[in-house]
């Protein structure tokens, strides 16, 4: 049983806010929302008679000495040297963590070039990681090693030089508990993107053959078991919509907390489950998603200037509320959006009993959203046009669909 009392959050932007907020919820309840070790049978060795200790959040960031907006609700902050986006040696980060007396680390978008090196360095000073160990990370982030694992699992790794046009991009989130049980959190579609930036995601992925979905889930389980995985992860797939064939694109062993789709479809905190596994608790089986959920991201980018990101100040924010609508947005009037950190202004998730209802709720939420920037515009209207496009409302679209529309001037 790992006692987590001071959690360093190495991430930035809205994902860091989500972790801070989720930890705050755990502290208020003094248990993990999906069930703590005290829910286990008395004979379970992981059970405990006492509630977990409260967790102090420590957001680690680079940039100006003033507290970053995404660290506003954190208990403490730690400033690293350099400007936002600066890559640092792992030892510089470790020295800061040791000085802050943290005992656990949440890794998201890290300021180091080598994730596995940073994970190993955390292990070297005895820090608990909310995620897999360095051996697993190396196996899944090294392209050659991953290819071998995927081959042994009975699938193929997508060649980085292969033309992905016409293919769909899917992601399978999973979590592995201490005994090694692999739980799937569903298959979501992340094909609607502008370049590398996600615009629209939905769960479940529409129009995926049941046999293909089952085969992808099997690959997830094989990869997790082959690497002795513990914690949460994301396997990214490329799916041929015509043949049902698929490839593994990559595996993210430290995915950012972007599981609003699953959380809104189940009422379960994925961050809570990840912390529970890191503590050594044995969570109950995660619930299956119900209904349909769609999420969109609104970014400080100008669609008329090749989507150039803007470093600007927020002048006005008015966010919608309503049944089945979730907003992840912590920027306030006067906050500065730094394009070098993340130009995302807000994420809006809509849940419905079916896909049609989910799309309608997201549309209505975007129509009511008002974000005014001092210099520049957002992609709100751009995303709304995509949501209203008949090809999207009819069903799934391939990965380059949005790029092609934008290049043709249809968006």
Protein backbone atom coordinates (compact mmCIF):
# COMPACT_ATOMS: atom_id res chain seq x y z
CA UNK A 1 0.00 0.00 0.00
CA UNK A 2 1.55 3.32 -1.14
CA UNK A 3 0.75 6.35 0.96
CA UNK A 4 0.31 9.37 -1.34
CA UNK A 5 0.18 12.64 0.61
CA UNK A 6 2.01 15.15 -1.63
CA UNK A 7 1.32 14.74 -5.34
CA UNK A 8 3.44 16.62 -7.88
CA UNK A 9 1.47 17.33 -11.07
CA UNK A 10 3.80 17.79 -14.02
CA UNK A 11 1.42 18.99 -16.69
CA UNK A 12 0.05 22.27 -17.99
CA UNK A 13 -3.14 23.83 -19.20
CA UNK A 14 -6.61 22.45 -18.59
CA UNK A 15 -5.45 18.84 -18.00
CA UNK A 16 -3.51 20.02 -14.93
CA UNK A 17 -6.67 21.72 -13.66
CA UNK A 18 -8.61 18.47 -14.03
CA UNK A 19 -6.11 16.60 -11.88
CA UNK A 20 -6.16 19.27 -9.17
CA UNK A 21 -9.97 19.28 -9.17
CA UNK A 22 -10.21 15.48 -9.06
CA UNK A 23 -7.78 15.28 -6.13
CA UNK A 24 -9.86 17.92 -4.35
CA UNK A 25 -12.91 15.72 -4.77
CA UNK A 26 -11.01 12.75 -3.35
CA UNK A 27 -9.94 14.80 -0.36
CA UNK A 28 -13.48 15.96 0.33
CA UNK A 29 -14.79 12.42 0.25
CA UNK A 30 -11.58 10.95 1.77
CA UNK A 31 -12.04 7.95 -0.50
CA UNK A 32 -11.85 7.10 -4.16
CA UNK A 33 -15.23 7.62 -5.89
CA UNK A 34 -15.17 4.26 -7.68
CA UNK A 35 -14.79 2.38 -4.38
CA UNK A 36 -11.85 2.17 -2.00
CA UNK A 37 -10.01 -0.71 -0.47
CA UNK A 38 -12.51 -0.64 2.40
CA UNK A 39 -15.14 -1.88 -0.06
CA UNK A 40 -13.20 -5.09 -0.60
CA UNK A 41 -13.96 -8.35 1.14
CA UNK A 42 -12.41 -8.63 4.61
CA UNK A 43 -10.06 -11.35 3.36
CA UNK A 44 -8.69 -9.09 0.60
CA UNK A 45 -5.10 -8.19 1.58
CA UNK A 46 -5.51 -4.80 -0.06
CA UNK A 47 -8.36 -3.81 2.25
CA UNK A 48 -7.86 -1.18 4.90
CA UNK A 49 -9.91 0.02 7.85
CA UNK A 50 -8.89 3.63 7.46
CA UNK A 51 -9.61 6.17 4.74
CA UNK A 52 -6.73 7.36 2.54
CA UNK A 53 -4.84 10.40 3.81
CA UNK A 54 -5.65 13.75 2.16
CA UNK A 55 -3.44 14.66 -0.78
CA UNK A 56 -1.64 18.00 -1.18
CA UNK A 57 -1.41 19.05 -4.85
CA UNK A 58 1.83 20.59 -6.10
CA UNK A 59 1.71 21.85 -9.70
CA UNK A 60 5.12 21.97 -11.36
CA UNK A 61 5.50 24.56 -14.12
CA UNK A 62 7.95 26.66 -16.10
CA UNK A 63 7.60 30.31 -16.96
CA UNK A 64 7.11 33.51 -14.95
CA UNK A 65 7.34 33.54 -11.18
CA UNK A 66 3.68 34.40 -10.90
CA UNK A 67 1.40 31.37 -10.43
CA UNK A 68 0.21 29.95 -13.74
CA UNK A 69 -3.57 30.18 -14.25
CA UNK A 70 -3.84 26.39 -14.42
CA UNK A 71 -2.19 26.14 -10.97
CA UNK A 72 -4.60 28.61 -9.38
CA UNK A 73 -6.45 25.98 -7.35
CA UNK A 74 -3.38 23.91 -6.44
CA UNK A 75 -2.19 23.84 -2.84
CA UNK A 76 1.37 24.66 -3.87
CA UNK A 77 3.44 25.32 -6.98
CA UNK A 78 7.02 24.61 -7.99
CA UNK A 79 8.70 26.70 -10.66
CA UNK A 80 11.23 25.12 -12.97
CA UNK A 81 13.87 27.18 -14.80
CA UNK A 82 13.28 28.30 -18.37
CA UNK A 83 10.35 29.49 -20.43
CA UNK A 84 7.24 27.43 -21.24
CA UNK A 85 8.16 24.71 -23.67
CA UNK A 86 11.79 24.54 -22.50
CA UNK A 87 13.21 21.01 -22.37
CA UNK A 88 15.15 20.27 -19.20
CA UNK A 89 17.42 17.46 -18.01
CA UNK A 90 15.55 14.93 -15.91
CA UNK A 91 17.82 15.65 -12.95
CA UNK A 92 16.70 19.30 -12.85
CA UNK A 93 13.10 18.15 -12.46
CA UNK A 94 14.04 15.54 -9.85
CA UNK A 95 15.95 18.09 -7.78
CA UNK A 96 12.86 20.32 -7.73
CA UNK A 97 10.61 17.42 -6.72
CA UNK A 98 12.93 16.35 -3.90
CA UNK A 99 13.16 19.95 -2.64
CA UNK A 100 9.34 20.13 -2.61
CA UNK A 101 9.21 16.93 -0.51
CA UNK A 102 6.61 15.27 -2.74
CA UNK A 103 6.06 11.53 -2.47
CA UNK A 104 4.20 10.88 -5.74
CA UNK A 105 4.20 12.19 -9.31
CA UNK A 106 1.51 12.62 -11.95
CA UNK A 107 3.09 12.92 -15.41
CA UNK A 108 1.37 14.60 -18.34
CA UNK A 109 3.12 16.89 -20.78
CA UNK A 110 6.58 16.76 -19.25
CA UNK A 111 9.46 19.24 -19.80
CA UNK A 112 11.89 16.43 -20.69
CA UNK A 113 12.76 14.90 -24.04
CA UNK A 114 12.89 11.33 -22.70
CA UNK A 115 9.82 10.24 -20.72
CA UNK A 116 11.35 6.90 -19.75
CA UNK A 117 14.43 8.64 -18.36
CA UNK A 118 12.27 10.91 -16.20
CA UNK A 119 10.22 7.95 -14.95
CA UNK A 120 13.40 6.06 -14.08
CA UNK A 121 14.79 9.10 -12.28
CA UNK A 122 11.58 9.35 -10.21
CA UNK A 123 11.92 5.67 -9.31
CA UNK A 124 15.54 6.26 -8.35
CA UNK A 125 14.58 8.66 -5.57
CA UNK A 126 11.67 6.54 -4.34
CA UNK A 127 8.74 8.53 -5.76
CA UNK A 128 5.44 6.77 -6.42
CA UNK A 129 4.33 7.14 -10.03
CA UNK A 130 0.69 7.42 -11.04
CA UNK A 131 1.36 5.17 -13.98
CA UNK A 132 3.59 2.36 -15.27
CA UNK A 133 7.26 1.87 -14.44
CA UNK A 134 10.22 2.85 -16.60
CA UNK A 135 10.67 -0.64 -18.06
CA UNK A 136 7.11 -0.62 -19.38
CA UNK A 137 7.47 2.94 -20.69
CA UNK A 138 10.64 2.06 -22.60
CA UNK A 139 9.01 -1.01 -24.14
CA UNK A 140 6.02 0.97 -25.38
CA UNK A 141 7.72 4.18 -26.53
CA UNK A 142 10.65 2.58 -28.37
CA UNK A 143 9.35 1.97 -31.90
CA UNK A 144 11.36 -1.19 -32.48
CA UNK A 145 10.38 -2.72 -29.13
CA UNK A 146 6.73 -1.78 -29.67
CA UNK A 147 6.76 -3.38 -33.12
CA UNK A 148 7.92 -6.67 -31.60
CA UNK A 149 5.22 -6.53 -28.93
CA UNK A 150 2.51 -5.75 -31.47
CA UNK A 151 3.68 -8.58 -33.73
CA UNK A 152 3.57 -11.03 -30.83
CA UNK A 153 0.05 -9.84 -30.00
CA UNK A 154 -1.06 -10.72 -33.52
CA UNK A 155 -1.42 -7.25 -35.00
CA UNK A 156 0.71 -4.88 -37.09
CA UNK A 157 2.27 -1.52 -36.29
CA UNK A 158 1.33 1.25 -38.70
CA UNK A 159 4.39 2.35 -40.65
CA UNK A 160 5.05 6.04 -40.03
CA UNK A 161 5.57 6.44 -43.77
CA UNK A 162 2.26 4.78 -44.62
CA UNK A 163 -0.41 7.02 -46.10
CA UNK A 164 -3.19 7.23 -43.49
CA UNK A 165 -5.61 8.99 -45.83
CA UNK A 166 -9.00 7.34 -45.71
CA UNK A 167 -8.29 5.63 -42.40
CA UNK A 168 -10.00 6.43 -39.12
CA UNK A 169 -8.11 7.20 -35.93
CA UNK A 170 -9.41 5.41 -32.84
CA UNK A 171 -8.22 5.30 -29.25
CA UNK A 172 -8.77 2.64 -26.62
CA UNK A 173 -8.31 3.77 -23.01
CA UNK A 174 -7.58 1.08 -20.45
CA UNK A 175 -6.56 0.69 -16.84
CA UNK A 176 -4.73 -2.20 -15.20
CA UNK A 177 -5.09 -2.81 -11.47
CA UNK A 178 -2.48 -4.22 -9.09
CA UNK A 179 -3.39 -7.91 -9.62
CA UNK A 180 -3.10 -7.34 -13.39
CA UNK A 181 -6.76 -7.16 -14.44
CA UNK A 182 -7.09 -5.16 -17.68
CA UNK A 183 -10.22 -3.01 -17.87
CA UNK A 184 -11.32 -1.35 -21.11
CA UNK A 185 -12.80 2.13 -20.92
CA UNK A 186 -14.27 1.98 -24.41
CA UNK A 187 -13.24 2.78 -27.97
CA UNK A 188 -13.45 6.42 -28.99
CA UNK A 189 -13.13 8.10 -32.39
CA UNK A 190 -10.59 10.95 -32.65
CA UNK A 191 -10.52 11.27 -36.45
CA UNK A 192 -11.83 14.83 -36.65
CA UNK A 193 -8.70 16.91 -36.26
CA UNK A 194 -6.86 19.79 -37.84
CA UNK A 195 -3.36 18.48 -38.40
CA UNK A 196 -2.22 17.07 -35.06
CA UNK A 197 -4.85 18.98 -33.06
CA UNK A 198 -8.00 17.14 -32.03
CA UNK A 199 -11.24 18.99 -32.78
CA UNK A 200 -14.01 16.47 -32.09
CA UNK A 201 -14.02 13.13 -30.25
CA UNK A 202 -16.85 10.71 -29.53
CA UNK A 203 -17.54 7.60 -27.48
CA UNK A 204 -18.43 5.00 -28.54
CA UNK A 205 -16.72 5.19 -31.92
CA UNK A 206 -19.59 5.03 -34.42
CA UNK A 207 -19.83 2.38 -37.09
CA UNK A 208 -17.10 0.04 -35.83
CA UNK A 209 -17.77 -3.62 -36.52
CA UNK A 210 -18.19 -5.63 -33.33
CA UNK A 211 -15.54 -8.14 -34.41
CA UNK A 212 -13.01 -5.37 -35.11
CA UNK A 213 -13.73 -3.74 -31.75
CA UNK A 214 -13.29 -7.07 -29.98
CA UNK A 215 -10.01 -7.69 -31.81
CA UNK A 216 -8.68 -4.27 -30.82
CA UNK A 217 -9.62 -4.91 -27.21
CA UNK A 218 -7.72 -8.20 -27.40
CA UNK A 219 -4.60 -6.35 -28.61
CA UNK A 220 -4.90 -3.91 -25.71
CA UNK A 221 -5.03 -6.77 -23.22
CA UNK A 222 -2.10 -8.57 -24.87
CA UNK A 223 0.10 -5.45 -24.82
CA UNK A 224 -0.76 -4.70 -21.20
CA UNK A 225 -0.08 -8.24 -20.03
CA UNK A 226 3.13 -8.59 -22.04
CA UNK A 227 4.63 -5.51 -20.39
CA UNK A 228 3.41 -6.09 -16.83
CA UNK A 229 1.41 -2.88 -17.11
CA UNK A 230 -0.02 -1.13 -14.05
CA UNK A 231 -2.04 2.06 -14.29
CA UNK A 232 -3.85 3.77 -17.18
CA UNK A 233 -2.86 3.94 -20.81
CA UNK A 234 -4.13 4.60 -24.32
CA UNK A 235 -3.62 2.49 -27.43
CA UNK A 236 -4.12 4.35 -30.68
CA UNK A 237 -5.37 2.47 -33.73
CA UNK A 238 -5.80 3.16 -37.44
CA UNK A 239 -8.93 1.53 -38.86
CA UNK A 240 -9.73 0.91 -42.52
CA UNK A 241 -13.49 1.61 -42.66
CA UNK A 242 -13.88 -0.39 -45.89
CA UNK A 243 -12.21 -3.66 -44.87
CA UNK A 244 -12.35 -3.51 -41.07
CA UNK A 245 -8.59 -4.08 -40.95
CA UNK A 246 -6.61 -2.12 -38.38
CA UNK A 247 -3.11 -1.25 -37.25
CA UNK A 248 -1.64 -0.10 -33.95
CA UNK A 249 -0.36 3.45 -34.29
CA UNK A 250 1.17 4.00 -30.85
CA UNK A 251 0.75 3.49 -27.11
CA UNK A 252 0.70 6.37 -24.64
CA UNK A 253 1.74 5.08 -21.19
CA UNK A 254 1.05 8.42 -19.51
CA UNK A 255 -2.06 9.77 -21.24
CA UNK A 256 -3.31 13.20 -20.27
CA UNK A 257 -6.63 13.19 -18.40
CA UNK A 258 -8.87 13.60 -21.46
CA UNK A 259 -11.46 11.00 -20.49
CA UNK A 260 -14.43 13.35 -20.15
CA UNK A 261 -16.31 11.18 -22.64
CA UNK A 262 -16.01 8.11 -20.42
CA UNK A 263 -16.62 10.07 -17.23
CA UNK A 264 -19.81 11.64 -18.57
CA UNK A 265 -21.01 8.24 -19.84
CA UNK A 266 -20.43 6.50 -16.50
CA UNK A 267 -20.23 9.10 -13.71
CA UNK A 268 -16.82 7.67 -12.78
CA UNK A 269 -13.59 9.62 -12.21
CA UNK A 270 -10.77 8.14 -14.29
CA UNK A 271 -8.25 10.25 -12.39
CA UNK A 272 -9.60 8.76 -9.16
CA UNK A 273 -9.11 5.25 -10.52
CA UNK A 274 -5.54 6.04 -11.56
CA UNK A 275 -4.64 7.35 -8.13
CA UNK A 276 -6.31 4.36 -6.52
CA UNK A 277 -4.17 1.94 -8.53
CA UNK A 278 -1.02 3.96 -7.72
CA UNK A 279 -1.88 3.63 -4.03
CA UNK A 280 -2.01 -0.12 -4.43
CA UNK A 281 -5.77 -0.31 -3.92
CA UNK A 282 -7.86 -2.72 -5.92
CA UNK A 283 -10.72 -0.81 -7.55
CA UNK A 284 -13.94 -2.49 -8.58
CA UNK A 285 -14.53 -3.16 -12.26
CA UNK A 286 -15.11 0.17 -14.08
CA UNK A 287 -18.68 0.53 -15.36
CA UNK A 288 -19.49 0.26 -19.05
CA UNK A 289 -20.31 3.53 -20.85
CA UNK A 290 -23.97 4.23 -21.52
CA UNK A 291 -25.50 6.44 -24.19
CA UNK A 292 -23.27 8.54 -26.43
CA UNK A 293 -20.83 11.36 -25.66
CA UNK A 294 -19.16 13.92 -27.93
CA UNK A 295 -16.41 16.35 -26.94
CA UNK A 296 -15.07 19.37 -28.81
CA UNK A 297 -12.11 21.64 -28.16
CA UNK A 298 -12.20 25.39 -28.66
CA UNK A 299 -8.76 26.88 -29.21
CA UNK A 300 -7.28 30.37 -29.56
CA UNK A 301 -6.44 29.92 -33.23
CA UNK A 302 -7.40 31.92 -36.31
CA UNK A 303 -9.03 29.72 -38.99
CA UNK A 304 -8.42 32.50 -41.55
CA UNK A 305 -4.67 32.56 -40.81
CA UNK A 306 -3.91 28.87 -41.24
CA UNK A 307 -5.02 28.28 -37.63
CA UNK A 308 -2.11 30.23 -36.19
CA UNK A 309 -2.22 30.08 -32.36
CA UNK A 310 -2.45 33.35 -30.45
CA UNK A 311 -0.79 34.53 -27.27
CA UNK A 312 -3.45 36.87 -25.97
CA UNK A 313 -5.56 37.97 -23.03
CA UNK A 314 -9.06 36.75 -22.26
CA UNK A 315 -11.48 39.68 -22.11
CA UNK A 316 -14.79 37.88 -21.64
CA UNK A 317 -15.93 34.34 -20.91
CA UNK A 318 -19.55 33.17 -20.79
CA UNK A 319 -20.02 29.42 -20.68
CA UNK A 320 -23.28 27.50 -21.12
CA UNK A 321 -24.92 25.18 -18.63
CA UNK A 322 -27.58 22.61 -19.31
CA UNK A 323 -28.59 18.99 -19.09
CA UNK A 324 -25.92 16.67 -20.41
CA UNK A 325 -23.37 19.44 -20.96
CA UNK A 326 -19.96 19.56 -19.30
CA UNK A 327 -17.46 22.41 -19.64
CA UNK A 328 -13.77 22.10 -18.81
CA UNK A 329 -12.53 25.68 -18.82
CA UNK A 330 -10.66 27.45 -16.05
CA UNK A 331 -9.54 30.60 -17.88
CA UNK A 332 -10.98 33.81 -16.50
CA UNK A 333 -11.12 37.41 -17.65
CA UNK A 334 -7.60 38.83 -17.56
CA UNK A 335 -5.82 35.48 -17.89
CA UNK A 336 -3.16 35.19 -20.58
CA UNK A 337 -3.32 32.37 -23.09
CA UNK A 338 0.24 31.38 -23.95
CA UNK A 339 0.41 29.71 -27.37
CA UNK A 340 3.67 28.04 -26.33
CA UNK A 341 1.83 26.20 -23.54
CA UNK A 342 -1.55 25.32 -25.01
CA UNK A 343 -3.98 27.50 -26.99
CA UNK A 344 -6.98 25.45 -25.79
CA UNK A 345 -9.56 27.78 -24.26
CA UNK A 346 -12.29 25.30 -23.37
CA UNK A 347 -13.47 21.73 -23.88
CA UNK A 348 -17.19 21.05 -24.12
CA UNK A 349 -18.62 17.54 -23.69
CA UNK A 350 -22.21 16.64 -24.44
CA UNK A 351 -23.86 13.39 -23.37
CA UNK A 352 -27.06 12.01 -24.81
CA UNK A 353 -29.07 8.83 -24.85
CA UNK A 354 -27.98 8.47 -28.49
CA UNK A 355 -25.60 10.16 -30.94
CA UNK A 356 -28.23 12.54 -32.31
CA UNK A 357 -29.03 13.89 -28.86
CA UNK A 358 -25.34 14.22 -27.97
CA UNK A 359 -24.61 16.21 -31.15
CA UNK A 360 -27.60 18.48 -30.51
CA UNK A 361 -26.44 19.26 -26.97
CA UNK A 362 -22.90 20.06 -28.10
CA UNK A 363 -24.21 22.30 -30.88
CA UNK A 364 -26.42 24.20 -28.47
CA UNK A 365 -23.56 24.56 -26.02
CA UNK A 366 -21.26 26.00 -28.67
CA UNK A 367 -23.95 28.39 -29.89
CA UNK A 368 -24.32 29.79 -26.36
CA UNK A 369 -20.58 29.95 -25.62
CA UNK A 370 -19.04 33.43 -25.69
CA UNK A 371 -15.26 33.89 -25.54
CA UNK A 372 -13.74 37.27 -26.40
CA UNK A 373 -10.00 37.64 -26.77
CA UNK A 374 -8.03 40.87 -26.75
CA UNK A 375 -6.22 39.90 -29.94
CA UNK A 376 -7.37 37.03 -32.10
CA UNK A 377 -10.33 34.70 -32.39
CA UNK A 378 -11.22 31.14 -31.40
CA UNK A 379 -12.18 28.07 -33.40
CA UNK A 380 -15.70 27.97 -31.89
CA UNK A 381 -17.49 28.81 -35.14
CA UNK A 382 -15.19 26.52 -37.10
CA UNK A 383 -16.02 23.53 -34.90
CA UNK A 384 -19.72 24.36 -35.03
CA UNK A 385 -19.66 24.25 -38.84
CA UNK A 386 -18.03 20.82 -38.71
CA UNK A 387 -20.69 19.55 -36.30
CA UNK A 388 -23.42 20.73 -38.66
CA UNK A 389 -21.87 19.08 -41.72
CA UNK A 390 -24.13 16.35 -43.14
CA UNK A 391 -21.23 13.91 -43.59
CA UNK A 392 -20.42 14.05 -39.88
CA UNK A 393 -24.02 13.87 -38.72
CA UNK A 394 -24.50 10.83 -40.96
CA UNK A 395 -21.75 8.88 -39.20
CA UNK A 396 -18.01 8.34 -39.02
CA UNK A 397 -15.53 10.28 -41.18
CA UNK A 398 -11.86 9.52 -41.99
CA UNK A 399 -8.90 11.21 -40.36
CA UNK A 400 -8.16 13.84 -43.03
CA UNK A 401 -11.80 14.80 -43.50
CA UNK A 402 -11.59 18.11 -41.62
CA UNK A 403 -8.28 19.06 -43.23
CA UNK A 404 -9.74 18.44 -46.68
CA UNK A 405 -12.82 20.54 -45.95
CA UNK A 406 -10.71 23.40 -44.65
CA UNK A 407 -8.35 23.24 -47.64
CA UNK A 408 -11.37 23.33 -49.99
CA UNK A 409 -12.78 26.36 -48.18
CA UNK A 410 -15.86 24.49 -47.00
CA UNK A 411 -15.25 25.40 -43.37
